Amino acid sequence: MKKIYSKIESINGSVITVRAKDIKYGELAEIQTSFGASLAEVNKIDGDLVSLQV
């Protein structure tokens, strides 16, 4: 199932944090920027705060 989140809570180096529900460790996300697309992996979940390693 495809989910779209458009609000980034924070960016720290190569880690992006977003608010999301029903996410599992190891899932992949596609990050769209003005420079193109990148893949990121879920590496931390704290309630509804999810950290993605780009």
PDB file of N, CA and C in Angstrom:
ATOM      1  N   MET A   1       0.837  -1.170   0.000  1.00  0.00           N
ATOM      2  CA  MET A   1       0.000   0.000   0.000  1.00  0.00           C
ATOM      3  C   MET A   1       0.887   1.239   0.000  1.00  0.00           C
ATOM      4  N   LYS A   2       0.578   2.170  -0.851  1.00  0.00           N
ATOM      5  CA  LYS A   2       1.358   3.400  -0.954  1.00  0.00           C
ATOM      6  C   LYS A   2       0.775   4.461  -0.022  1.00  0.00           C
ATOM      7  N   LYS A   3       1.641   5.083   0.770  1.00  0.00           N
ATOM      8  CA  LYS A   3       1.245   6.170   1.661  1.00  0.00           C
ATOM      9  C   LYS A   3       2.086   7.387   1.312  1.00  0.00           C
ATOM     10  N   ILE A   4       1.493   8.555   1.387  1.00  0.00           N
ATOM     11  CA  ILE A   4       2.213   9.786   1.066  1.00  0.00           C
ATOM     12  C   ILE A   4       2.223  10.693   2.296  1.00  0.00           C
ATOM     13  N   TYR A   5       3.432  11.104   2.697  1.00  0.00           N
ATOM     14  CA  TYR A   5       3.619  12.041   3.801  1.00  0.00           C
ATOM     15  C   TYR A   5       4.366  13.238   3.238  1.00  0.00           C
ATOM     16  N   SER A   6       3.873  14.429   3.500  1.00  0.00           N
ATOM     17  CA  SER A   6       4.477  15.612   2.896  1.00  0.00           C
ATOM     18  C   SER A   6       5.113  16.555   3.908  1.00  0.00           C
ATOM     19  N   LYS A   7       5.067  16.212   5.199  1.00  0.00           N
ATOM     20  CA  LYS A   7       5.664  17.091   6.204  1.00  0.00           C
ATOM     21  C   LYS A   7       6.833  16.400   6.880  1.00  0.00           C
ATOM     22  N   ILE A   8       7.993  16.975   6.753  1.00  0.00           N
ATOM     23  CA  ILE A   8       9.196  16.472   7.415  1.00  0.00           C
ATOM     24  C   ILE A   8       9.318  17.178   8.758  1.00  0.00           C
ATOM     25  N   GLU A   9       9.472  16.401   9.821  1.00  0.00           N
ATOM     26  CA  GLU A   9       9.637  16.972  11.161  1.00  0.00           C
ATOM     27  C   GLU A   9      11.053  17.511  11.350  1.00  0.00           C
ATOM     28  N   SER A  10      12.056  16.751  10.872  1.00  0.00           N
ATOM     29  CA  SER A  10      13.442  17.211  10.998  1.00  0.00           C
ATOM     30  C   SER A  10      14.334  16.477  10.007  1.00  0.00           C
ATOM     31  N   ILE A  11      15.472  17.103   9.724  1.00  0.00           N
ATOM     32  CA  ILE A  11      16.529  16.496   8.917  1.00  0.00           C
ATOM     33  C   ILE A  11      17.819  16.680   9.700  1.00  0.00           C
ATOM     34  N   ASN A  12      18.518  15.570   9.938  1.00  0.00           N
ATOM     35  CA  ASN A  12      19.779  15.615  10.672  1.00  0.00           C
ATOM     36  C   ASN A  12      20.780  14.750   9.917  1.00  0.00           C
ATOM     37  N   GLY A  13      21.621  15.386   9.114  1.00  0.00           N
ATOM     38  CA  GLY A  13      22.550  14.626   8.271  1.00  0.00           C
ATOM     39  C   GLY A  13      21.771  13.848   7.227  1.00  0.00           C
ATOM     40  N   SER A  14      21.911  12.522   7.235  1.00  0.00           N
ATOM     41  CA  SER A  14      21.204  11.688   6.262  1.00  0.00           C
ATOM     42  C   SER A  14      19.973  11.013   6.872  1.00  0.00           C
ATOM     43  N   VAL A  15      19.496  11.532   8.009  1.00  0.00           N
ATOM     44  CA  VAL A  15      18.312  10.970   8.667  1.00  0.00           C
ATOM     45  C   VAL A  15      17.167  11.981   8.598  1.00  0.00           C
ATOM     46  N   ILE A  16      16.037  11.521   8.081  1.00  0.00           N
ATOM     47  CA  ILE A  16      14.832  12.341   7.980  1.00  0.00           C
ATOM     48  C   ILE A  16      13.809  11.779   8.954  1.00  0.00           C
ATOM     49  N   THR A  17      13.140  12.648   9.706  1.00  0.00           N
ATOM     50  CA  THR A  17      12.114  12.210  10.649  1.00  0.00           C
ATOM     51  C   THR A  17      10.757  12.733  10.197  1.00  0.00           C
ATOM     52  N   VAL A  18       9.782  11.824  10.147  1.00  0.00           N
ATOM     53  CA  VAL A  18       8.409  12.167   9.770  1.00  0.00           C
ATOM     54  C   VAL A  18       7.457  11.557  10.792  1.00  0.00           C
ATOM     55  N   ARG A  19       6.217  12.027  10.803  1.00  0.00           N
ATOM     56  CA  ARG A  19       5.176  11.407  11.631  1.00  0.00           C
ATOM     57  C   ARG A  19       4.394  10.459  10.727  1.00  0.00           C
ATOM     58  N   ALA A  20       4.299   9.198  11.156  1.00  0.00           N
ATOM     59  CA  ALA A  20       3.606   8.190  10.355  1.00  0.00           C
ATOM     60  C   ALA A  20       3.079   7.096  11.267  1.00  0.00           C
ATOM     61  N   LYS A  21       2.046   6.393  10.809  1.00  0.00           N
ATOM     62  CA  LYS A  21       1.458   5.291  11.571  1.00  0.00           C
ATOM     63  C   LYS A  21       1.521   4.018  10.744  1.00  0.00           C
ATOM     64  N   ASP A  22       1.454   2.884  11.436  1.00  0.00           N
ATOM     65  CA  ASP A  22       1.452   1.560  10.799  1.00  0.00           C
ATOM     66  C   ASP A  22       2.678   1.335   9.929  1.00  0.00           C
ATOM     67  N   ILE A  23       3.852   1.722  10.436  1.00  0.00           N
ATOM     68  CA  ILE A  23       5.127   1.563   9.739  1.00  0.00           C
ATOM     69  C   ILE A  23       5.934   0.494  10.463  1.00  0.00           C
ATOM     70  N   LYS A  24       6.744  -0.261   9.714  1.00  0.00           N
ATOM     71  CA  LYS A  24       7.576  -1.313  10.306  1.00  0.00           C
ATOM     72  C   LYS A  24       9.047  -1.054  10.008  1.00  0.00           C
ATOM     73  N   TYR A  25       9.911  -1.563  10.901  1.00  0.00           N
ATOM     74  CA  TYR A  25      11.356  -1.465  10.679  1.00  0.00           C
ATOM     75  C   TYR A  25      11.725  -2.112   9.350  1.00  0.00           C
ATOM     76  N   GLY A  26      12.678  -1.501   8.653  1.00  0.00           N
ATOM     77  CA  GLY A  26      13.172  -2.063   7.406  1.00  0.00           C
ATOM     78  C   GLY A  26      12.365  -1.693   6.179  1.00  0.00           C
ATOM     79  N   GLU A  27      11.198  -1.075   6.355  1.00  0.00           N
ATOM     80  CA  GLU A  27      10.416  -0.666   5.188  1.00  0.00           C
ATOM     81  C   GLU A  27      11.189   0.395   4.408  1.00  0.00           C
ATOM     82  N   LEU A  28      10.947   0.444   3.124  1.00  0.00           N
ATOM     83  CA  LEU A  28      11.601   1.433   2.273  1.00  0.00           C
ATOM     84  C   LEU A  28      10.645   2.567   1.948  1.00  0.00           C
ATOM     85  N   ALA A  29      11.212   3.755   1.831  1.00  0.00           N
ATOM     86  CA  ALA A  29      10.445   4.942   1.460  1.00  0.00           C
ATOM     87  C   ALA A  29      11.136   5.608   0.284  1.00  0.00           C
ATOM     88  N   GLU A  30      10.353   6.238  -0.564  1.00  0.00           N
ATOM     89  CA  GLU A  30      10.908   7.026  -1.660  1.00  0.00           C
ATOM     90  C   GLU A  30      10.803   8.493  -1.261  1.00  0.00           C
ATOM     91  N   ILE A  31      11.928   9.182  -1.272  1.00  0.00           N
ATOM     92  CA  ILE A  31      11.986  10.597  -0.913  1.00  0.00           C
ATOM     93  C   ILE A  31      12.093  11.400  -2.205  1.00  0.00           C
ATOM     94  N   GLN A  32      11.144  12.305  -2.428  1.00  0.00           N
ATOM     95  CA  GLN A  32      11.140  13.157  -3.615  1.00  0.00           C
ATOM     96  C   GLN A  32      11.623  14.552  -3.232  1.00  0.00           C
ATOM     97  N   THR A  33      12.628  15.044  -3.936  1.00  0.00           N
ATOM     98  CA  THR A  33      13.119  16.406  -3.734  1.00  0.00           C
ATOM     99  C   THR A  33      13.242  17.086  -5.086  1.00  0.00           C
ATOM    100  N   SER A  34      13.632  18.333  -5.075  1.00  0.00           N
ATOM    101  CA  SER A  34      13.832  19.046  -6.338  1.00  0.00           C
ATOM    102  C   SER A  34      15.022  18.485  -7.115  1.00  0.00           C
ATOM    103  N   PHE A  35      15.874  17.706  -6.437  1.00  0.00           N
ATOM    104  CA  PHE A  35      17.040  17.096  -7.082  1.00  0.00           C
ATOM    105  C   PHE A  35      16.741  15.714  -7.648  1.00  0.00           C
ATOM    106  N   GLY A  36      15.565  15.175  -7.354  1.00  0.00           N
ATOM    107  CA  GLY A  36      15.198  13.848  -7.828  1.00  0.00           C
ATOM    108  C   GLY A  36      14.695  12.977  -6.689  1.00  0.00           C
ATOM    109  N   ALA A  37      14.717  11.664  -6.908  1.00  0.00           N
ATOM    110  CA  ALA A  37      14.203  10.714  -5.920  1.00  0.00           C
ATOM    111  C   ALA A  37      15.340   9.921  -5.290  1.00  0.00           C
ATOM    112  N   SER A  38      15.172   9.568  -4.010  1.00  0.00           N
ATOM    113  CA  SER A  38      16.123   8.725  -3.278  1.00  0.00           C
ATOM    114  C   SER A  38      15.331   7.714  -2.468  1.00  0.00           C
ATOM    115  N   LEU A  39      15.961   6.589  -2.166  1.00  0.00           N
ATOM    116  CA  LEU A  39      15.343   5.605  -1.285  1.00  0.00           C
ATOM    117  C   LEU A  39      15.844   5.801   0.133  1.00  0.00           C
ATOM    118  N   ALA A  40      14.983   5.520   1.104  1.00  0.00           N
ATOM    119  CA  ALA A  40      15.345   5.607   2.518  1.00  0.00           C
ATOM    120  C   ALA A  40      14.759   4.394   3.230  1.00  0.00           C
ATOM    121  N   GLU A  41      15.419   3.974   4.315  1.00  0.00           N
ATOM    122  CA  GLU A  41      14.967   2.814   5.081  1.00  0.00           C
ATOM    123  C   GLU A  41      14.577   3.237   6.493  1.00  0.00           C
ATOM    124  N   VAL A  42      13.482   2.688   6.995  1.00  0.00           N
ATOM    125  CA  VAL A  42      13.048   2.950   8.370  1.00  0.00           C
ATOM    126  C   VAL A  42      14.057   2.319   9.317  1.00  0.00           C
ATOM    127  N   ASN A  43      14.660   3.142  10.192  1.00  0.00           N
ATOM    128  CA  ASN A  43      15.643   2.596  11.128  1.00  0.00           C
ATOM    129  C   ASN A  43      15.326   2.912  12.591  1.00  0.00           C
ATOM    130  N   LYS A  44      14.268   3.699  12.840  1.00  0.00           N
ATOM    131  CA  LYS A  44      13.866   3.977  14.223  1.00  0.00           C
ATOM    132  C   LYS A  44      12.394   4.361  14.230  1.00  0.00           C
ATOM    133  N   ILE A  45      11.668   3.813  15.209  1.00  0.00           N
ATOM    134  CA  ILE A  45      10.259   4.156  15.396  1.00  0.00           C
ATOM    135  C   ILE A  45      10.065   4.513  16.861  1.00  0.00           C
ATOM    136  N   ASP A  46       9.525   5.709  17.110  1.00  0.00           N
ATOM    137  CA  ASP A  46       9.252   6.166  18.476  1.00  0.00           C
ATOM    138  C   ASP A  46       7.832   6.724  18.492  1.00  0.00           C
ATOM    139  N   GLY A  47       6.859   5.867  18.783  1.00  0.00           N
ATOM    140  CA  GLY A  47       5.461   6.276  18.695  1.00  0.00           C
ATOM    141  C   GLY A  47       5.105   6.503  17.240  1.00  0.00           C
ATOM    142  N   ASP A  48       4.695   7.736  16.910  1.00  0.00           N
ATOM    143  CA  ASP A  48       4.398   8.032  15.508  1.00  0.00           C
ATOM    144  C   ASP A  48       5.541   8.780  14.815  1.00  0.00           C
ATOM    145  N   LEU A  49       6.681   8.952  15.502  1.00  0.00           N
ATOM    146  CA  LEU A  49       7.867   9.543  14.876  1.00  0.00           C
ATOM    147  C   LEU A  49       8.705   8.433  14.252  1.00  0.00           C
ATOM    148  N   VAL A  50       8.964   8.557  12.967  1.00  0.00           N
ATOM    149  CA  VAL A  50       9.697   7.535  12.223  1.00  0.00           C
ATOM    150  C   VAL A  50      10.944   8.166  11.623  1.00  0.00           C
ATOM    151  N   SER A  51      12.102   7.536  11.856  1.00  0.00           N
ATOM    152  CA  SER A  51      13.367   8.014  11.293  1.00  0.00           C
ATOM    153  C   SER A  51      13.720   7.185  10.073  1.00  0.00           C
ATOM    154  N   LEU A  52      14.090   7.878   9.006  1.00  0.00           N
ATOM    155  CA  LEU A  52      14.453   7.244   7.742  1.00  0.00           C
ATOM    156  C   LEU A  52      15.908   7.545   7.428  1.00  0.00           C
ATOM    157  N   GLN A  53      16.688   6.513   7.152  1.00  0.00           N
ATOM    158  CA  GLN A  53      18.088   6.679   6.750  1.00  0.00           C
ATOM    159  C   GLN A  53      18.129   6.763   5.232  1.00  0.00           C
ATOM    160  N   VAL A  54      18.562   7.905   4.706  1.00  0.00           N
ATOM    161  CA  VAL A  54      18.624   8.106   3.252  1.00  0.00           C
ATOM    162  C   VAL A  54      19.938   7.576   2.729  1.00  0.00           C
TER     163      VAL A  54
END
